[in-house]
Every structure is written in C-alpha cells, then in structure tokens.
Amino acid sequence: MTTKTRLTMLPVERKDIENPSAAGRQYLENAIANLARLWITEGVPSKAELTISGYDDDPRELYEIPEICQWAKETVKKFPVLLFFLKDTSIDRLVGWIFGPLSKQEIDSPEFLKKYEETKIEYYTKAVAESSEFFLNMGADKTTISKFYFQDMVDNTSQSSIPKPKCDICSKEVEKDTGYILSTSEVTGEKNYWKFVFLNYPKQVQAIGVDGKKLISFVIERSGDPGSWLVCEECASLFTVDKLKARKLYIEQQKENGSLASRQLGPAEWKKSLTAASEGWKSVFGNEPKPDRDDPSIPVAATIYATSKTKWNQIKTNGNS
C-alpha cells in the first residue's frame, strides 16, 4: 500500500530567472524547507511541480532559452537537495535545462538521451544524499528519515509500474491529462480516421481485400464498439470535434475510473461510418471501393452489431450511461 504524495506548486517567474537575486534564492530555500517540514510533521511525502512563467510570448522551447538553462545550472548547484522534493516530470525538465540551450534535434538524439539519463541518476543520487543532513537539520531523527526514503522509493516504484494508457488510434502512450475521449461515432464517422487506418495498418487493408471487398463487415465491426476511444494529442488533429469537451471527458474518466478505464458512449451508425470509410479509401487508393454485399461475414458482423446496439439502448433507457 502506498502513501499518497502531497503535491504543491513551485512557480518561478521570468524576472527571477533573468535577474537572479538574494530574494529569489531565499524563496527557493524557504520552499524546500516547507516541503521538508510538511513531510516531517505529517509523515506524508511532499513533492513540488516546478513551473516557469513569463515566457508565453517566446516562440522558443524552454530548453532553448539560455537564461533558463543558466538558472537551472545555478539552482541545482546551490540547492542539490531540491531534486529530492520535485515531482518526476519536474526533475526531467530541470535536468534537461541543465544541458541547454539545445535544439529540438539535439534533444531527440540517442547520444543526448543516454547522457541525460546518466546525469539525471547522478543528480538525484546526490539529492538523496544531501537530503539526509537536510532532514536532520530540520529536526527529524534517523529512523524517521529512513521511513521517508522508503516512502519515496515505494511511491516511485508504484508509479513506474503503472502502465500508461495508449492511444486507440496509433497505440502510442498517452501522458497524464493530455488525452481526449471520443465516441465511436466521432471516430468512425471521420474520413481522416479511415485514411490513417488504410495508410498505417497494411494487415487490416489486406484483411479487407482488393477493391475493399470486405469493407462493409469491417466497418460494421468497428462501428459496433460501445466504448470510448482514447486519442493522443497528435491523433486528435484527425478529428473535427469539441476538444475541450473531449479533454474534460478524459480527465473525468481518470478521476472516476482510472486512466485505463473505458467510458461507455455507445456504438455508431454503421452506414454513416461506411460513407466516411469509402471516402477515406478513395482518397488513399484513388478509386471507389467495391465491397461485396454478399460477403458471408456481413451477417455475422451485423448480428454482433445489433446485439451491441440493443445493450446500449437498454443502458440509455435505464439511465446508466
């Protein structure tokens, strides 16, 4: 069983980055002390999310800005213990800034990633070592400090063992709070979705057959899914939907059922989906599909679809949607 981590925000403004001052350093020192004090008095791991404001009008990524990179280097040198109190995502960003300024190409290179991971471990190990004396100076005894390290280790292990949800379109992992939830109607009724399928999944095209012979049964099967579709940021650009609503659904789903749960939004009307699929087929292959309407797999798919739709109607009638 894990101990729930207390998360606080650690905002840093542009003026404190570009014009470092004693007040700015005191602010960070006080923030670290407060995190440690909460941990000691309440026995709950306290972590901070580091944010930087004031650069919204700057087109560069933060790791491309020299002032931020210099600030990161000086901060870690002055407060090595800070990394022990940062959330994982903040540690990732802070260590990345230390290497900067870098270009996007340099950030994505295998050479950088290897060096980055090694450096992150080095800095965090030093932070853990520094934190022992830090906690002692704050009044904690050695037994309590050992308990803190155990809590931190269990919390990190637990978080890393939870699989990230994957996009139902491209299968890439979806970071927390960055996904969208769409209905089957919104997905299968979009020509761009079918274009993506035909261009990126050759085995499925092979199963459909030459000239789209089995397209009808394939579309019916896809349209009958009553569950929701998790879509990543990149794939969301394929769809013309209310993204604010779709993002809200995903965040609500995470809170209510966990990030891997599926919300029931109902099946799609397969004939509308077939129109979109036919348009997608023509766009990719340059010709109208010629589905075999006597395809024996159609009745099987239709039966499954009808069953799914009946169950969905019952759910709506009972008010459980």
C-alpha atoms as a PDB file:
ATOM      1  CA  MET A   1       0.000   0.000   0.000  1.00  0.00           C
ATOM      2  CA  THR A   2       1.460   3.401  -0.947  1.00  0.00           C
ATOM      3  CA  THR A   3       1.313   6.663   0.955  1.00  0.00           C
ATOM      4  CA  LYS A   4      -0.410   9.353  -1.029  1.00  0.00           C
ATOM      5  CA  THR A   5       2.005  12.104  -2.028  1.00  0.00           C
ATOM      6  CA  ARG A   6       1.151  15.727  -1.279  1.00  0.00           C
ATOM      7  CA  LEU A   7       1.706  17.781  -4.414  1.00  0.00           C
ATOM      8  CA  THR A   8       2.321  21.528  -4.326  1.00  0.00           C
ATOM      9  CA  MET A   9       3.265  24.046  -6.987  1.00  0.00           C
ATOM     10  CA  LEU A  10       6.665  25.733  -7.131  1.00  0.00           C
ATOM     11  CA  PRO A  11       6.240  28.672  -9.528  1.00  0.00           C
ATOM     12  CA  VAL A  12       9.254  30.648 -10.727  1.00  0.00           C
ATOM     13  CA  GLU A  13       8.802  33.923 -12.593  1.00  0.00           C
ATOM     14  CA  ARG A  14      10.799  35.197 -15.550  1.00  0.00           C
ATOM     15  CA  LYS A  15      12.165  38.173 -13.602  1.00  0.00           C
ATOM     16  CA  ASP A  16      13.730  35.828 -11.043  1.00  0.00           C
ATOM     17  CA  ILE A  17      15.409  33.872 -13.827  1.00  0.00           C
ATOM     18  CA  GLU A  18      16.776  36.777 -15.820  1.00  0.00           C
ATOM     19  CA  ASN A  19      17.726  38.835 -12.750  1.00  0.00           C
ATOM     20  CA  PRO A  20      18.788  36.386 -10.020  1.00  0.00           C
ATOM     21  CA  SER A  21      18.653  37.921  -6.567  1.00  0.00           C
ATOM     22  CA  ALA A  22      19.080  37.056  -2.923  1.00  0.00           C
ATOM     23  CA  ALA A  23      15.298  37.217  -2.592  1.00  0.00           C
ATOM     24  CA  GLY A  24      14.863  34.634  -5.344  1.00  0.00           C
ATOM     25  CA  ARG A  25      17.340  32.274  -3.700  1.00  0.00           C
ATOM     26  CA  GLN A  26      15.623  32.764  -0.348  1.00  0.00           C
ATOM     27  CA  TYR A  27      12.287  31.911  -1.982  1.00  0.00           C
ATOM     28  CA  LEU A  28      13.620  28.547  -3.160  1.00  0.00           C
ATOM     29  CA  GLU A  29      15.282  27.851   0.175  1.00  0.00           C
ATOM     30  CA  ASN A  30      12.018  28.541   2.015  1.00  0.00           C
ATOM     31  CA  ALA A  31      10.037  26.397  -0.429  1.00  0.00           C
ATOM     32  CA  ILE A  32      12.343  23.410   0.103  1.00  0.00           C
ATOM     33  CA  ALA A  33      12.201  23.875   3.879  1.00  0.00           C
ATOM     34  CA  ASN A  34       8.395  23.980   3.808  1.00  0.00           C
ATOM     35  CA  LEU A  35       8.243  20.738   1.809  1.00  0.00           C
ATOM     36  CA  ALA A  36      10.553  19.040   4.304  1.00  0.00           C
ATOM     37  CA  ARG A  37       8.609  20.437   7.266  1.00  0.00           C
ATOM     38  CA  LEU A  38       5.324  19.059   5.903  1.00  0.00           C
ATOM     39  CA  TRP A  39       6.941  15.685   5.397  1.00  0.00           C
ATOM     40  CA  ILE A  40       8.271  15.660   8.964  1.00  0.00           C
ATOM     41  CA  THR A  41       5.145  16.933  10.747  1.00  0.00           C
ATOM     42  CA  GLU A  42       2.532  14.988   8.769  1.00  0.00           C
ATOM     43  CA  GLY A  43       4.503  11.951   7.602  1.00  0.00           C
ATOM     44  CA  VAL A  44       3.271  12.445   4.053  1.00  0.00           C
ATOM     45  CA  PRO A  45       5.741  12.635   1.127  1.00  0.00           C
ATOM     46  CA  SER A  46       5.743  16.199  -0.196  1.00  0.00           C
ATOM     47  CA  LYS A  47       6.677  16.884  -3.810  1.00  0.00           C
ATOM     48  CA  ALA A  48       6.572  20.031  -5.919  1.00  0.00           C
ATOM     49  CA  GLU A  49       5.742  20.693  -9.561  1.00  0.00           C
ATOM     50  CA  LEU A  50       8.225  23.259 -10.851  1.00  0.00           C
ATOM     51  CA  THR A  51       6.700  25.776 -13.259  1.00  0.00           C
ATOM     52  CA  ILE A  52       8.168  28.752 -15.095  1.00  0.00           C
ATOM     53  CA  SER A  53       6.005  31.697 -16.137  1.00  0.00           C
ATOM     54  CA  GLY A  54       6.537  34.777 -18.271  1.00  0.00           C
ATOM     55  CA  TYR A  55       7.673  33.123 -21.492  1.00  0.00           C
ATOM     56  CA  ASP A  56       4.297  32.632 -23.179  1.00  0.00           C
ATOM     57  CA  ASP A  57       5.188  35.148 -25.888  1.00  0.00           C
ATOM     58  CA  ASP A  58       8.557  33.479 -26.595  1.00  0.00           C
ATOM     59  CA  PRO A  59       8.346  31.007 -29.521  1.00  0.00           C
ATOM     60  CA  ARG A  60      11.335  29.007 -28.248  1.00  0.00           C
ATOM     61  CA  GLU A  61      11.094  25.881 -26.118  1.00  0.00           C
ATOM     62  CA  LEU A  62      12.305  26.459 -22.556  1.00  0.00           C
ATOM     63  CA  TYR A  63      15.372  24.274 -23.107  1.00  0.00           C
ATOM     64  CA  GLU A  64      16.367  26.602 -25.969  1.00  0.00           C
ATOM     65  CA  ILE A  65      16.462  29.716 -23.769  1.00  0.00           C
ATOM     66  CA  PRO A  66      19.977  30.439 -22.407  1.00  0.00           C
ATOM     67  CA  GLU A  67      18.762  32.315 -19.313  1.00  0.00           C
ATOM     68  CA  ILE A  68      16.602  29.383 -18.176  1.00  0.00           C
ATOM     69  CA  CYS A  69      19.415  26.895 -18.748  1.00  0.00           C
ATOM     70  CA  GLN A  70      21.849  29.027 -16.768  1.00  0.00           C
ATOM     71  CA  TRP A  71      19.309  29.437 -13.969  1.00  0.00           C
ATOM     72  CA  ALA A  72      18.823  25.655 -13.837  1.00  0.00           C
ATOM     73  CA  LYS A  73      22.582  25.029 -13.566  1.00  0.00           C
ATOM     74  CA  GLU A  74      22.987  27.565 -10.791  1.00  0.00           C
ATOM     75  CA  THR A  75      19.906  26.361  -8.910  1.00  0.00           C
ATOM     76  CA  VAL A  76      20.972  22.708  -8.871  1.00  0.00           C
ATOM     77  CA  LYS A  77      24.470  23.725  -7.800  1.00  0.00           C
ATOM     78  CA  LYS A  78      23.117  25.918  -4.993  1.00  0.00           C
ATOM     79  CA  PHE A  79      20.268  23.584  -3.928  1.00  0.00           C
ATOM     80  CA  PRO A  80      21.187  19.992  -4.901  1.00  0.00           C
ATOM     81  CA  VAL A  81      18.593  18.692  -2.426  1.00  0.00           C
ATOM     82  CA  LEU A  82      15.817  20.328  -4.488  1.00  0.00           C
ATOM     83  CA  LEU A  83      15.565  17.331  -6.816  1.00  0.00           C
ATOM     84  CA  PHE A  84      14.547  15.096  -3.909  1.00  0.00           C
ATOM     85  CA  PHE A  85      11.450  17.250  -3.428  1.00  0.00           C
ATOM     86  CA  LEU A  86      10.465  17.569  -7.090  1.00  0.00           C
ATOM     87  CA  LYS A  87       7.918  15.537  -8.973  1.00  0.00           C
ATOM     88  CA  ASP A  88       9.416  13.224 -11.638  1.00  0.00           C
ATOM     89  CA  THR A  89       8.249  15.392 -14.529  1.00  0.00           C
ATOM     90  CA  SER A  90       9.884  18.452 -12.953  1.00  0.00           C
ATOM     91  CA  ILE A  91      13.144  16.566 -12.454  1.00  0.00           C
ATOM     92  CA  ASP A  92      13.062  15.604 -16.133  1.00  0.00           C
ATOM     93  CA  ARG A  93      12.619  19.222 -17.238  1.00  0.00           C
ATOM     94  CA  LEU A  94      15.178  20.655 -14.816  1.00  0.00           C
ATOM     95  CA  VAL A  95      17.892  18.196 -15.847  1.00  0.00           C
ATOM     96  CA  GLY A  96      17.065  18.853 -19.499  1.00  0.00           C
ATOM     97  CA  TRP A  97      17.563  22.589 -18.978  1.00  0.00           C
ATOM     98  CA  ILE A  98      20.963  21.969 -17.391  1.00  0.00           C
ATOM     99  CA  PHE A  99      22.207  20.633 -20.738  1.00  0.00           C
ATOM    100  CA  GLY A 100      20.865  23.608 -22.690  1.00  0.00           C
ATOM    101  CA  PRO A 101      20.457  25.613 -24.621  1.00  0.00           C
ATOM    102  CA  LEU A 102      19.826  22.829 -27.148  1.00  0.00           C
ATOM    103  CA  SER A 103      17.848  22.427 -30.337  1.00  0.00           C
ATOM    104  CA  LYS A 104      14.916  20.023 -30.749  1.00  0.00           C
ATOM    105  CA  GLN A 105      17.115  17.828 -32.939  1.00  0.00           C
ATOM    106  CA  GLU A 106      19.802  17.632 -30.251  1.00  0.00           C
ATOM    107  CA  ILE A 107      17.225  16.877 -27.540  1.00  0.00           C
ATOM    108  CA  ASP A 108      15.879  13.896 -29.541  1.00  0.00           C
ATOM    109  CA  SER A 109      19.286  12.401 -30.409  1.00  0.00           C
ATOM    110  CA  PRO A 110      20.205   8.986 -28.906  1.00  0.00           C
ATOM    111  CA  GLU A 111      23.527  10.407 -27.705  1.00  0.00           C
ATOM    112  CA  PHE A 112      21.787  13.107 -25.686  1.00  0.00           C
ATOM    113  CA  LEU A 113      19.183  10.742 -24.222  1.00  0.00           C
ATOM    114  CA  LYS A 114      21.865   8.370 -22.932  1.00  0.00           C
ATOM    115  CA  LYS A 115      23.853  11.176 -21.330  1.00  0.00           C
ATOM    116  CA  TYR A 116      20.666  12.735 -19.988  1.00  0.00           C
ATOM    117  CA  GLU A 117      19.553   9.544 -18.188  1.00  0.00           C
ATOM    118  CA  GLU A 118      23.010   9.062 -16.657  1.00  0.00           C
ATOM    119  CA  THR A 119      23.109  12.672 -15.467  1.00  0.00           C
ATOM    120  CA  LYS A 120      19.598  12.517 -14.012  1.00  0.00           C
ATOM    121  CA  ILE A 121      20.566   9.500 -11.906  1.00  0.00           C
ATOM    122  CA  GLU A 122      23.754  11.260 -10.791  1.00  0.00           C
ATOM    123  CA  TYR A 123      21.911  14.420  -9.712  1.00  0.00           C
ATOM    124  CA  TYR A 124      19.098  12.538  -7.963  1.00  0.00           C
ATOM    125  CA  THR A 125      21.554  10.309  -6.084  1.00  0.00           C
ATOM    126  CA  LYS A 126      23.307  13.434  -4.837  1.00  0.00           C
ATOM    127  CA  ALA A 127      19.947  14.937  -3.863  1.00  0.00           C
ATOM    128  CA  VAL A 128      19.100  11.878  -1.762  1.00  0.00           C
ATOM    129  CA  ALA A 129      22.485  12.070  -0.019  1.00  0.00           C
ATOM    130  CA  GLU A 130      22.034  15.794   0.676  1.00  0.00           C
ATOM    131  CA  SER A 131      18.501  15.281   1.990  1.00  0.00           C
ATOM    132  CA  SER A 132      19.679  13.145   4.912  1.00  0.00           C
ATOM    133  CA  GLU A 133      21.592  16.019   6.506  1.00  0.00           C
ATOM    134  CA  PHE A 134      18.837  18.422   5.463  1.00  0.00           C
ATOM    135  CA  PHE A 135      16.177  16.411   7.339  1.00  0.00           C
ATOM    136  CA  LEU A 136      18.445  16.111  10.394  1.00  0.00           C
ATOM    137  CA  ASN A 137      18.878  19.892  10.456  1.00  0.00           C
ATOM    138  CA  MET A 138      15.084  20.202  10.278  1.00  0.00           C
ATOM    139  CA  GLY A 139      14.735  18.103  13.438  1.00  0.00           C
ATOM    140  CA  ALA A 140      13.975  14.634  12.083  1.00  0.00           C
ATOM    141  CA  ASP A 141      15.631  11.554  13.612  1.00  0.00           C
ATOM    142  CA  LYS A 142      17.395   8.876  11.577  1.00  0.00           C
ATOM    143  CA  THR A 143      14.546   6.356  11.926  1.00  0.00           C
ATOM    144  CA  THR A 144      12.079   8.870  10.526  1.00  0.00           C
ATOM    145  CA  ILE A 145      14.448   9.734   7.680  1.00  0.00           C
ATOM    146  CA  SER A 146      14.755   6.047   6.722  1.00  0.00           C
ATOM    147  CA  LYS A 147      10.964   5.906   6.623  1.00  0.00           C
ATOM    148  CA  PHE A 148      10.932   8.912   4.259  1.00  0.00           C
ATOM    149  CA  TYR A 149      13.282   7.166   1.851  1.00  0.00           C
ATOM    150  CA  PHE A 150      11.146   4.031   1.948  1.00  0.00           C
ATOM    151  CA  GLN A 151       8.019   6.070   1.217  1.00  0.00           C
ATOM    152  CA  ASP A 152       9.742   7.787  -1.691  1.00  0.00           C
ATOM    153  CA  MET A 153      11.053   4.501  -3.084  1.00  0.00           C
ATOM    154  CA  VAL A 154       7.652   2.763  -2.860  1.00  0.00           C
ATOM    155  CA  ASP A 155       5.873   5.755  -4.369  1.00  0.00           C
ATOM    156  CA  ASN A 156       8.306   5.931  -7.311  1.00  0.00           C
ATOM    157  CA  THR A 157       8.190   2.168  -7.865  1.00  0.00           C
ATOM    158  CA  SER A 158       4.401   2.159  -7.760  1.00  0.00           C
ATOM    159  CA  GLN A 159       4.106   4.994 -10.260  1.00  0.00           C
ATOM    160  CA  SER A 160       6.605   3.473 -12.685  1.00  0.00           C
ATOM    161  CA  SER A 161       4.840   0.091 -12.594  1.00  0.00           C
ATOM    162  CA  ILE A 162       1.503   1.527 -13.704  1.00  0.00           C
ATOM    163  CA  PRO A 163       1.219   1.173 -17.485  1.00  0.00           C
ATOM    164  CA  LYS A 164       0.449   4.349 -19.328  1.00  0.00           C
ATOM    165  CA  PRO A 165      -2.730   4.272 -21.402  1.00  0.00           C
ATOM    166  CA  LYS A 166      -2.229   4.028 -25.148  1.00  0.00           C
ATOM    167  CA  CYS A 167      -3.903   5.882 -27.962  1.00  0.00           C
ATOM    168  CA  ASP A 168      -6.598   3.762 -29.616  1.00  0.00           C
ATOM    169  CA  ILE A 169      -5.610   5.174 -32.996  1.00  0.00           C
ATOM    170  CA  CYS A 170      -1.789   4.961 -33.162  1.00  0.00           C
ATOM    171  CA  SER A 171      -1.005   2.917 -29.997  1.00  0.00           C
ATOM    172  CA  LYS A 172       1.448   5.497 -28.631  1.00  0.00           C
ATOM    173  CA  GLU A 173       1.491   6.102 -24.883  1.00  0.00           C
ATOM    174  CA  VAL A 174      -0.657   8.980 -23.672  1.00  0.00           C
ATOM    175  CA  GLU A 175       0.784  11.152 -20.929  1.00  0.00           C
ATOM    176  CA  LYS A 176      -1.448  12.013 -17.987  1.00  0.00           C
ATOM    177  CA  ASP A 177      -4.043  14.709 -18.678  1.00  0.00           C
ATOM    178  CA  THR A 178      -3.041  15.045 -22.362  1.00  0.00           C
ATOM    179  CA  GLY A 179      -5.564  12.676 -23.934  1.00  0.00           C
ATOM    180  CA  TYR A 180      -9.019  13.065 -25.395  1.00  0.00           C
ATOM    181  CA  ILE A 181     -12.072  10.814 -25.136  1.00  0.00           C
ATOM    182  CA  LEU A 182     -14.110  10.376 -28.318  1.00  0.00           C
ATOM    183  CA  SER A 183     -17.147   8.283 -29.092  1.00  0.00           C
ATOM    184  CA  THR A 184     -17.200   5.592 -31.764  1.00  0.00           C
ATOM    185  CA  SER A 185     -19.408   7.882 -33.865  1.00  0.00           C
ATOM    186  CA  GLU A 186     -16.843  10.672 -33.702  1.00  0.00           C
ATOM    187  CA  VAL A 187     -14.046   8.308 -34.711  1.00  0.00           C
ATOM    188  CA  THR A 188     -15.574   6.056 -37.372  1.00  0.00           C
ATOM    189  CA  GLY A 189     -17.597   8.886 -38.887  1.00  0.00           C
ATOM    190  CA  GLU A 190     -14.417  10.763 -39.802  1.00  0.00           C
ATOM    191  CA  LYS A 191     -12.769  10.226 -43.203  1.00  0.00           C
ATOM    192  CA  ASN A 192      -9.345  11.104 -41.801  1.00  0.00           C
ATOM    193  CA  TYR A 193      -9.550   8.201 -39.347  1.00  0.00           C
ATOM    194  CA  TRP A 194     -10.060   5.728 -42.162  1.00  0.00           C
ATOM    195  CA  LYS A 195      -7.250   7.306 -44.173  1.00  0.00           C
ATOM    196  CA  PHE A 196      -4.976   6.793 -41.192  1.00  0.00           C
ATOM    197  CA  VAL A 197      -6.020   3.142 -40.898  1.00  0.00           C
ATOM    198  CA  PHE A 198      -5.533   2.404 -44.598  1.00  0.00           C
ATOM    199  CA  LEU A 199      -2.124   4.130 -44.667  1.00  0.00           C
ATOM    200  CA  ASN A 200      -0.704   2.738 -41.425  1.00  0.00           C
ATOM    201  CA  TYR A 201      -2.189  -0.737 -40.968  1.00  0.00           C
ATOM    202  CA  PRO A 202      -1.409  -2.836 -44.050  1.00  0.00           C
ATOM    203  CA  LYS A 203      -2.583  -6.071 -42.402  1.00  0.00           C
ATOM    204  CA  GLN A 204      -6.042  -4.609 -41.927  1.00  0.00           C
ATOM    205  CA  VAL A 205      -6.100  -3.476 -45.551  1.00  0.00           C
ATOM    206  CA  GLN A 206      -5.070  -6.982 -46.538  1.00  0.00           C
ATOM    207  CA  ALA A 207      -7.937  -8.409 -44.464  1.00  0.00           C
ATOM    208  CA  ILE A 208     -10.399  -6.077 -46.203  1.00  0.00           C
ATOM    209  CA  GLY A 209      -9.144  -7.330 -49.542  1.00  0.00           C
ATOM    210  CA  VAL A 210      -8.622  -5.960 -53.022  1.00  0.00           C
ATOM    211  CA  ASP A 211     -11.048  -3.185 -54.015  1.00  0.00           C
ATOM    212  CA  GLY A 212     -12.474  -3.160 -50.470  1.00  0.00           C
ATOM    213  CA  LYS A 213     -14.258  -6.492 -50.801  1.00  0.00           C
ATOM    214  CA  LYS A 214     -14.842  -6.946 -47.061  1.00  0.00           C
ATOM    215  CA  LEU A 215     -15.120  -3.255 -46.206  1.00  0.00           C
ATOM    216  CA  ILE A 216     -18.755  -3.462 -45.085  1.00  0.00           C
ATOM    217  CA  SER A 217     -18.210  -6.124 -42.421  1.00  0.00           C
ATOM    218  CA  PHE A 218     -15.028  -4.379 -41.307  1.00  0.00           C
ATOM    219  CA  VAL A 219     -16.869  -1.072 -40.852  1.00  0.00           C
ATOM    220  CA  ILE A 220     -19.824  -2.701 -39.096  1.00  0.00           C
ATOM    221  CA  GLU A 221     -17.454  -4.345 -36.639  1.00  0.00           C
ATOM    222  CA  ARG A 222     -15.680  -1.067 -35.870  1.00  0.00           C
ATOM    223  CA  SER A 223     -18.937   0.863 -35.580  1.00  0.00           C
ATOM    224  CA  GLY A 224     -20.380  -1.539 -33.034  1.00  0.00           C
ATOM    225  CA  ASP A 225     -17.914  -0.674 -30.296  1.00  0.00           C
ATOM    226  CA  PRO A 226     -19.964   0.943 -27.479  1.00  0.00           C
ATOM    227  CA  GLY A 227     -16.898   2.006 -25.543  1.00  0.00           C
ATOM    228  CA  SER A 228     -14.916   5.221 -25.708  1.00  0.00           C
ATOM    229  CA  TRP A 229     -11.755   5.874 -27.695  1.00  0.00           C
ATOM    230  CA  LEU A 230      -8.673   7.349 -26.041  1.00  0.00           C
ATOM    231  CA  VAL A 231      -6.899   9.629 -28.517  1.00  0.00           C
ATOM    232  CA  CYS A 232      -3.472  11.225 -28.136  1.00  0.00           C
ATOM    233  CA  GLU A 233      -2.651  14.862 -28.870  1.00  0.00           C
ATOM    234  CA  GLU A 234      -1.257  14.090 -32.326  1.00  0.00           C
ATOM    235  CA  CYS A 235      -4.129  11.890 -33.482  1.00  0.00           C
ATOM    236  CA  ALA A 236      -6.705  14.376 -32.168  1.00  0.00           C
ATOM    237  CA  SER A 237      -5.817  16.557 -35.160  1.00  0.00           C
ATOM    238  CA  LEU A 238      -7.533  13.966 -37.381  1.00  0.00           C
ATOM    239  CA  PHE A 239     -10.949  14.776 -35.954  1.00  0.00           C
ATOM    240  CA  THR A 240     -13.332  17.705 -36.068  1.00  0.00           C
ATOM    241  CA  VAL A 241     -14.674  17.548 -32.523  1.00  0.00           C
ATOM    242  CA  ASP A 242     -15.081  19.711 -29.451  1.00  0.00           C
ATOM    243  CA  LYS A 243     -11.600  19.193 -27.994  1.00  0.00           C
ATOM    244  CA  LEU A 244     -12.348  20.961 -24.730  1.00  0.00           C
ATOM    245  CA  LYS A 245     -15.226  18.589 -24.098  1.00  0.00           C
ATOM    246  CA  ALA A 246     -13.144  15.579 -25.178  1.00  0.00           C
ATOM    247  CA  ARG A 247     -10.291  16.558 -22.834  1.00  0.00           C
ATOM    248  CA  LYS A 248     -12.721  17.095 -19.969  1.00  0.00           C
ATOM    249  CA  LEU A 249     -14.133  13.600 -20.509  1.00  0.00           C
ATOM    250  CA  TYR A 250     -10.655  12.108 -20.298  1.00  0.00           C
ATOM    251  CA  ILE A 251      -9.796  13.948 -17.083  1.00  0.00           C
ATOM    252  CA  GLU A 252     -13.128  12.938 -15.550  1.00  0.00           C
ATOM    253  CA  GLN A 253     -12.525   9.329 -16.592  1.00  0.00           C
ATOM    254  CA  GLN A 254      -9.128   9.334 -14.907  1.00  0.00           C
ATOM    255  CA  LYS A 255     -10.604  10.625 -11.646  1.00  0.00           C
ATOM    256  CA  GLU A 256     -13.591   8.293 -11.634  1.00  0.00           C
ATOM    257  CA  ASN A 257     -12.300   5.016 -13.020  1.00  0.00           C
ATOM    258  CA  GLY A 258      -8.567   5.202 -13.509  1.00  0.00           C
ATOM    259  CA  SER A 259      -6.707   6.149 -16.661  1.00  0.00           C
ATOM    260  CA  LEU A 260      -7.245   2.769 -18.373  1.00  0.00           C
ATOM    261  CA  ALA A 261     -10.984   2.543 -17.832  1.00  0.00           C
ATOM    262  CA  SER A 262     -13.395   2.916 -20.739  1.00  0.00           C
ATOM    263  CA  ARG A 263     -16.469   5.078 -20.610  1.00  0.00           C
ATOM    264  CA  GLN A 264     -19.499   3.766 -22.497  1.00  0.00           C
ATOM    265  CA  LEU A 265     -20.570   6.263 -25.176  1.00  0.00           C
ATOM    266  CA  GLY A 266     -22.447   3.931 -27.486  1.00  0.00           C
ATOM    267  CA  PRO A 267     -21.943   2.442 -30.969  1.00  0.00           C
ATOM    268  CA  ALA A 268     -22.012   4.439 -34.205  1.00  0.00           C
ATOM    269  CA  GLU A 269     -24.472   4.238 -37.106  1.00  0.00           C
ATOM    270  CA  TRP A 270     -22.506   1.931 -39.371  1.00  0.00           C
ATOM    271  CA  LYS A 271     -23.935   3.309 -42.643  1.00  0.00           C
ATOM    272  CA  LYS A 272     -22.559   6.758 -41.810  1.00  0.00           C
ATOM    273  CA  SER A 273     -19.246   5.148 -40.932  1.00  0.00           C
ATOM    274  CA  LEU A 274     -19.268   3.290 -44.255  1.00  0.00           C
ATOM    275  CA  THR A 275     -19.628   6.584 -46.119  1.00  0.00           C
ATOM    276  CA  ALA A 276     -16.586   8.001 -44.298  1.00  0.00           C
ATOM    277  CA  ALA A 277     -14.626   4.794 -44.858  1.00  0.00           C
ATOM    278  CA  SER A 278     -15.434   4.812 -48.581  1.00  0.00           C
ATOM    279  CA  GLU A 279     -14.235   8.409 -48.862  1.00  0.00           C
ATOM    280  CA  GLY A 280     -11.066   7.512 -46.998  1.00  0.00           C
ATOM    281  CA  TRP A 281     -10.475   4.528 -49.269  1.00  0.00           C
ATOM    282  CA  LYS A 282     -10.842   6.626 -52.396  1.00  0.00           C
ATOM    283  CA  SER A 283      -8.527   9.292 -51.006  1.00  0.00           C
ATOM    284  CA  VAL A 284      -5.787   6.726 -50.291  1.00  0.00           C
ATOM    285  CA  PHE A 285      -6.140   4.318 -53.214  1.00  0.00           C
ATOM    286  CA  GLY A 286      -7.594   6.641 -55.861  1.00  0.00           C
ATOM    287  CA  ASN A 287     -10.669   4.571 -56.615  1.00  0.00           C
ATOM    288  CA  GLU A 288     -14.076   3.853 -55.149  1.00  0.00           C
ATOM    289  CA  PRO A 289     -14.187   0.686 -53.013  1.00  0.00           C
ATOM    290  CA  LYS A 290     -16.241  -2.185 -54.378  1.00  0.00           C
ATOM    291  CA  PRO A 291     -17.441  -4.078 -51.323  1.00  0.00           C
ATOM    292  CA  ASP A 292     -19.054  -7.475 -51.851  1.00  0.00           C
ATOM    293  CA  ARG A 293     -22.554  -7.096 -50.451  1.00  0.00           C
ATOM    294  CA  ASP A 294     -22.923 -10.891 -50.473  1.00  0.00           C
ATOM    295  CA  ASP A 295     -19.884 -11.275 -48.255  1.00  0.00           C
ATOM    296  CA  PRO A 296     -20.817 -14.010 -45.726  1.00  0.00           C
ATOM    297  CA  SER A 297     -19.044 -12.172 -42.924  1.00  0.00           C
ATOM    298  CA  ILE A 298     -21.567  -9.311 -43.124  1.00  0.00           C
ATOM    299  CA  PRO A 299     -24.438 -11.149 -41.358  1.00  0.00           C
ATOM    300  CA  VAL A 300     -22.070 -12.220 -38.564  1.00  0.00           C
ATOM    301  CA  ALA A 301     -20.823  -8.662 -38.047  1.00  0.00           C
ATOM    302  CA  ALA A 302     -24.397  -7.349 -38.294  1.00  0.00           C
ATOM    303  CA  THR A 303     -25.589  -9.719 -35.579  1.00  0.00           C
ATOM    304  CA  ILE A 304     -22.818  -8.639 -33.214  1.00  0.00           C
ATOM    305  CA  TYR A 305     -23.556  -5.003 -34.043  1.00  0.00           C
ATOM    306  CA  ALA A 306     -27.293  -5.439 -33.381  1.00  0.00           C
ATOM    307  CA  THR A 307     -26.582  -7.052 -30.018  1.00  0.00           C
ATOM    308  CA  SER A 308     -24.255  -4.207 -29.057  1.00  0.00           C
ATOM    309  CA  LYS A 309     -26.798  -1.601 -30.062  1.00  0.00           C
ATOM    310  CA  THR A 310     -29.595  -3.348 -28.141  1.00  0.00           C
ATOM    311  CA  LYS A 311     -27.487  -3.398 -24.983  1.00  0.00           C
ATOM    312  CA  TRP A 312     -26.638   0.263 -25.467  1.00  0.00           C
ATOM    313  CA  ASN A 313     -30.316   1.196 -25.814  1.00  0.00           C
ATOM    314  CA  GLN A 314     -31.044  -0.670 -22.579  1.00  0.00           C
ATOM    315  CA  ILE A 315     -28.263   1.240 -20.813  1.00  0.00           C
ATOM    316  CA  LYS A 316     -29.709   4.566 -22.004  1.00  0.00           C
ATOM    317  CA  THR A 317     -33.215   3.542 -21.003  1.00  0.00           C
ATOM    318  CA  ASN A 318     -32.065   2.584 -17.504  1.00  0.00           C
ATOM    319  CA  GLY A 319     -30.176   5.860 -17.176  1.00  0.00           C
ATOM    320  CA  ASN A 320     -26.769   4.275 -16.631  1.00  0.00           C
ATOM    321  CA  SER A 321     -24.906   5.980 -19.477  1.00  0.00           C
END
